[in-house]
Protein backbone atom coordinates (compact mmCIF):
# COMPACT_ATOMS: atom_id res chain seq x y z
CA MET A 1 0.00 0.00 0.00
CA VAL A 2 1.07 3.60 -0.42
CA ALA A 3 1.91 4.75 3.11
CA ARG A 4 3.07 8.21 2.01
CA ARG A 5 2.68 10.07 -1.24
CA GLY A 6 5.63 12.08 -2.42
CA ASP A 7 6.14 14.33 -5.39
CA ALA A 8 4.62 12.79 -8.52
CA THR A 9 7.58 13.71 -10.72
CA ALA A 10 10.61 13.89 -8.45
CA GLY A 11 10.08 11.62 -5.47
CA SER A 12 12.25 8.64 -4.66
CA VAL A 13 10.75 5.51 -3.05
CA LEU A 14 11.36 3.64 0.19
CA ILE A 15 9.84 0.21 0.73
CA LYS A 16 8.87 -0.82 4.24
CA ILE A 17 8.43 -4.57 4.67
CA ASN A 18 6.26 -5.28 7.68
CA ARG A 19 6.11 -8.85 9.02
CA LEU A 20 3.11 -7.86 11.15
CA GLY A 21 4.49 -8.10 14.66
CA SER A 22 7.77 -9.90 14.06
CA GLY A 23 9.86 -7.06 12.67
CA CYS A 24 10.22 -4.61 9.82
CA MET A 25 12.87 -3.66 7.28
CA VAL A 26 13.14 -0.56 5.09
CA LEU A 27 14.69 -0.83 1.64
CA SER A 28 16.23 2.15 -0.11
CA PRO A 29 17.00 2.30 -3.86
CA ALA A 30 20.60 2.47 -5.02
CA THR A 31 22.69 2.02 -8.13
CA ASN A 32 25.43 -0.58 -8.34
CA PHE A 33 28.39 1.45 -9.57
CA GLU A 34 30.11 -1.62 -11.01
CA ASP A 35 27.48 -2.30 -13.66
CA GLY A 36 24.89 0.45 -13.24
CA ALA A 37 22.19 -2.02 -12.18
CA ARG A 38 19.37 -0.98 -9.88
CA MET A 39 19.47 -2.54 -6.42
CA TRP A 40 17.95 -2.10 -2.98
CA LEU A 41 19.88 -1.47 0.24
CA LYS A 42 18.67 -2.53 3.67
CA GLY A 43 18.40 0.97 5.11
CA THR A 44 17.60 -0.24 8.60
CA GLY A 45 20.50 -2.71 8.64
CA PRO A 46 20.87 -6.43 7.98
CA ASP A 47 18.41 -7.57 10.67
CA TRP A 48 14.71 -7.05 11.19
CA VAL A 49 13.93 -4.13 13.51
CA GLU A 50 10.96 -3.02 15.58
CA GLU A 51 8.36 -1.03 13.65
CA GLU A 52 9.18 2.09 15.66
CA SER A 53 12.81 1.92 14.48
CA ALA A 54 11.72 1.46 10.87
CA ASP A 55 9.35 4.43 11.14
CA ALA A 56 12.09 6.57 12.73
CA TYR A 57 14.39 5.74 9.80
CA ILE A 58 11.64 6.74 7.35
CA THR A 59 11.04 10.01 9.21
CA ARG A 60 14.75 10.89 9.00
CA GLN A 61 14.74 10.19 5.27
CA ILE A 62 11.62 12.34 4.76
CA ASN A 63 13.35 15.19 6.62
CA ASN A 64 16.16 14.95 4.03
CA ASP A 65 13.83 14.45 1.05
CA PRO A 66 10.25 15.75 1.46
CA ASP A 67 9.38 14.41 -2.02
CA LEU A 68 9.84 10.83 -0.80
CA TRP A 69 7.25 8.09 -1.40
CA VAL A 70 6.84 5.22 1.08
CA LEU A 71 5.34 1.89 0.04
CA GLU A 72 4.53 -0.68 2.71
CA ILE A 73 4.35 -4.40 2.07
CA GLU A 74 2.65 -6.43 4.80
CA ASP A 75 3.82 -10.02 4.54
CA ARG A 76 4.35 -12.36 7.50
CA GLU A 77 7.17 -14.10 5.61
CA GLY A 78 8.98 -10.80 4.96
CA ARG A 79 9.00 -11.09 1.19
CA ALA A 80 9.80 -7.91 -0.75
CA PHE A 81 8.41 -9.04 -4.13
CA LEU A 82 11.27 -7.24 -5.95
CA ASP A 83 13.24 -8.56 -8.90
CA GLU A 84 16.25 -6.35 -8.24
CA LYS A 85 19.14 -7.36 -5.99
CA ILE A 86 18.75 -6.62 -2.27
CA GLU A 87 21.89 -6.03 -0.18
């Protein structure tokens, strides 16, 4: 679902994966400088975090980029449903 609407023409996207009570993770888009491929970075670190920590990360990112979009995926298995590489 769209948790926050950003600028329609200039906004970047964060993806919050919510395992519904057993942790969250926020993914941030990046470019692999070796081959130029699109990838996603685990913005909240390698492990699942409490939802409050994920939301605090998102808030900090919005403070830096008010055009930011936030999409939230609720999936108990923590799947991101992305084809791009996640690091």
